Amino acid sequence: MLVEAEGGSVRVREAALTDIVRRAVSSVDGARLRKGRRRLGVELENGHARAELQLSVAYGLVLPEVSSAVQERVADALARMCDVEVDSVDVTVEELDRAR
């Protein structure tokens, strides 16, 4: 992602965006990014962001509540740290984690 500003620009690499999202997800009790090949995607363009996440949620929790909390935390983190407008954070609960 490239952010143009007066006096220069700032480039944010995909690894940094992934870390922002990963930390935001892990801040929600009972949620984590699903392990595996495809677990998240973040698109940034023209000051707007979209994220798509695949989650594992602890068994016994209310899935819509956890998902909503993840959406809010990820949107807040991207907006705050990347100075973008977050259009959507799409969450899919792919698995339940019984080990927690």
Protein backbone atom coordinates (compact mmCIF):
# COMPACT_ATOMS: atom_id res chain seq x y z
CA MET A 1 0.00 0.00 0.00
CA LEU A 2 1.27 3.44 -0.87
CA VAL A 3 0.06 6.51 1.01
CA GLU A 4 0.85 9.85 -0.61
CA ALA A 5 1.27 12.79 1.74
CA GLU A 6 2.68 16.28 1.62
CA GLY A 7 6.45 15.96 1.54
CA GLY A 8 6.61 12.29 0.50
CA SER A 9 4.96 8.91 0.70
CA VAL A 10 4.73 5.89 2.96
CA ARG A 11 4.70 2.31 1.70
CA VAL A 12 3.09 -0.38 3.89
CA ARG A 13 4.05 -3.92 2.91
CA GLU A 14 1.61 -6.82 2.86
CA ALA A 15 3.40 -8.47 5.80
CA ALA A 16 2.76 -5.39 7.93
CA LEU A 17 -0.93 -5.34 6.95
CA THR A 18 -1.19 -9.02 7.78
CA ASP A 19 0.35 -8.40 11.19
CA ILE A 20 -2.08 -5.54 11.91
CA VAL A 21 -5.03 -7.80 11.10
CA ARG A 22 -3.60 -10.82 12.96
CA ARG A 23 -3.06 -8.79 16.13
CA ALA A 24 -6.54 -7.26 15.93
CA VAL A 25 -8.12 -10.73 15.58
CA SER A 26 -6.10 -12.16 18.46
CA SER A 27 -7.26 -9.31 20.71
CA VAL A 28 -10.77 -10.82 20.64
CA ASP A 29 -11.19 -13.58 23.25
CA GLY A 30 -11.87 -16.93 21.62
CA ALA A 31 -10.94 -15.91 18.07
CA ARG A 32 -7.90 -16.62 15.94
CA LEU A 33 -7.08 -16.70 12.28
CA ARG A 34 -7.59 -20.16 10.88
CA LYS A 35 -4.37 -22.06 10.30
CA GLY A 36 -3.67 -23.03 6.75
CA ARG A 37 -2.93 -21.70 3.35
CA ARG A 38 -5.69 -19.13 2.84
CA ARG A 39 -6.80 -17.38 5.98
CA LEU A 40 -6.92 -13.66 5.24
CA GLY A 41 -6.82 -11.13 2.48
CA VAL A 42 -6.50 -7.37 2.71
CA GLU A 43 -7.05 -5.02 -0.20
CA LEU A 44 -6.11 -1.34 0.01
CA GLU A 45 -6.83 1.04 -2.82
CA ASN A 46 -7.41 4.77 -3.09
CA GLY A 47 -7.75 5.26 0.67
CA HIS A 48 -10.21 2.38 1.11
CA ALA A 49 -9.71 -1.05 2.65
CA ARG A 50 -11.47 -4.40 2.49
CA ALA A 51 -10.54 -7.47 4.49
CA GLU A 52 -11.60 -11.09 4.18
CA LEU A 53 -10.86 -13.39 7.13
CA GLN A 54 -11.24 -17.07 7.90
CA LEU A 55 -11.52 -17.71 11.63
CA SER A 56 -11.35 -20.44 14.18
CA VAL A 57 -13.55 -19.69 17.19
CA ALA A 58 -13.50 -21.37 20.57
CA TYR A 59 -16.26 -23.93 20.99
CA GLY A 60 -19.19 -22.74 23.09
CA LEU A 61 -18.96 -19.04 22.23
CA VAL A 62 -21.71 -17.18 20.38
CA LEU A 63 -20.38 -17.07 16.82
CA PRO A 64 -22.13 -13.86 15.66
CA GLU A 65 -20.88 -11.99 18.74
CA VAL A 66 -17.27 -13.10 18.27
CA SER A 67 -17.44 -12.38 14.53
CA SER A 68 -18.86 -8.91 15.11
CA ALA A 69 -16.13 -8.13 17.65
CA VAL A 70 -13.47 -9.27 15.16
CA GLN A 71 -14.98 -7.08 12.44
CA GLU A 72 -14.95 -4.04 14.72
CA ARG A 73 -11.36 -4.57 15.94
CA VAL A 74 -9.96 -5.20 12.46
CA ALA A 75 -11.77 -2.18 10.98
CA ASP A 76 -10.58 0.03 13.83
CA ALA A 77 -6.97 -1.14 13.55
CA LEU A 78 -6.81 -0.65 9.77
CA ALA A 79 -8.48 2.78 9.95
CA ARG A 80 -6.26 3.98 12.78
CA MET A 81 -2.94 2.59 11.65
CA CYS A 82 -3.27 2.98 7.87
CA ASP A 83 -5.48 6.08 7.75
CA VAL A 84 -8.00 4.46 5.40
CA GLU A 85 -11.76 4.14 5.24
CA VAL A 86 -12.70 0.50 5.83
CA ASP A 87 -15.48 -0.54 3.45
CA SER A 88 -15.89 -4.09 4.73
CA VAL A 89 -14.47 -6.81 6.93
CA ASP A 90 -15.94 -10.12 5.79
CA VAL A 91 -15.62 -12.96 8.30
CA THR A 92 -16.16 -16.67 7.75
CA VAL A 93 -16.05 -19.02 10.73
CA GLU A 94 -14.33 -22.07 9.26
CA GLU A 95 -13.77 -24.17 12.36
CA LEU A 96 -14.46 -24.50 16.05
CA ASP A 97 -11.53 -24.82 18.38
CA ARG A 98 -12.22 -27.31 21.19
CA ALA A 99 -8.71 -27.10 22.64
CA ARG A 100 -9.17 -23.76 24.38
